[in-house]
Amino acid sequence: HVTIEKINQTKLDLERARLDEKQVLEIHHQLEMEVSTLEMKSHHFQQQRQQIQHELEIASSERYQLQCSLTQLQVENDKLRAKVRKAEDKEDKKRLDDVLDSMESKMRALKLQSKRSKEKKNKSSVERMS
């Protein structure tokens, strides 16, 4: 027998079930939205990570190129320093040769002067003796 009480109870149970279903659907929809948001954020973070990784690779490549350029410049600087030292040594040697030549000329002049002085003395002595 189906009684009105049972029918009313069934209606109430059905209404509660519908409310429960509605709540479950709302919760399900909220969870879907949260998952979607998290997936978007995850995708965004992956893109940022890839961009940072790309920038890091570029910076690393630039660093390597700069290091190579620095090494080349150091080699060139060493060569230039050697050339400068060689030129300075050559200049120093030329100056020393000039000084020695000058001293040699002065010594010849002094010897010649000394020789003439001796010759004058000898002439004077010979004239005095005569």
Foldseek 3Di string as FASTA:
>chain_A
DDDPVNVVVVVVVVVVVVVVVVVVVVVVVVVVVVVVVVVVVVVVVVVVVVVVVVVVVVVVVVVVVVVVVVVVVVVVVVVVVVVVVVVVVVVVVVVVVVVVVVVVVVVVVVVVVVVVVVVVVVVVVVVVVD
